[in-house]
């Protein structure tokens, strides 16, 4: 192998090593954040802005609603709450999306799996590429 060929090979090896380190750091960060989301004693619910379907819930949400995440993910509020509560939640969700600012409320909700619960919620709109996500 020529000196130039050895330099190119070593450069490629260093590049792969750096990519592997960066990928490991991203994995470690993701695992850390997942651990936080799962273990905070507060319900975290993320819905898709287009159709308001649940895309992420944590363990506290499962306890609050009395349903597993498998039963929640991909569902809408109408699939999860009694109609009067679902109407109120959806009205608040639409208002947050229209105003594009955070919103705080407190309400009693009748869950399908855990009876009546009084909840405080803060809703925020997350954006990507200028659009609500």
Foldseek 3Di string as FASTA:
>chain_A
DDPVVVVVVVVVVVVVVVVVVVVVVVVVVVVVVLVCQQPDLDWDWDAALVPRATQDIHPNVCVVQVHDVVQRGRDHLVSWFPVVQSVVVVVVSVVCQVVQAKDWDWDWTQTPRPGIDIDIDIDHFDDDPRHTD
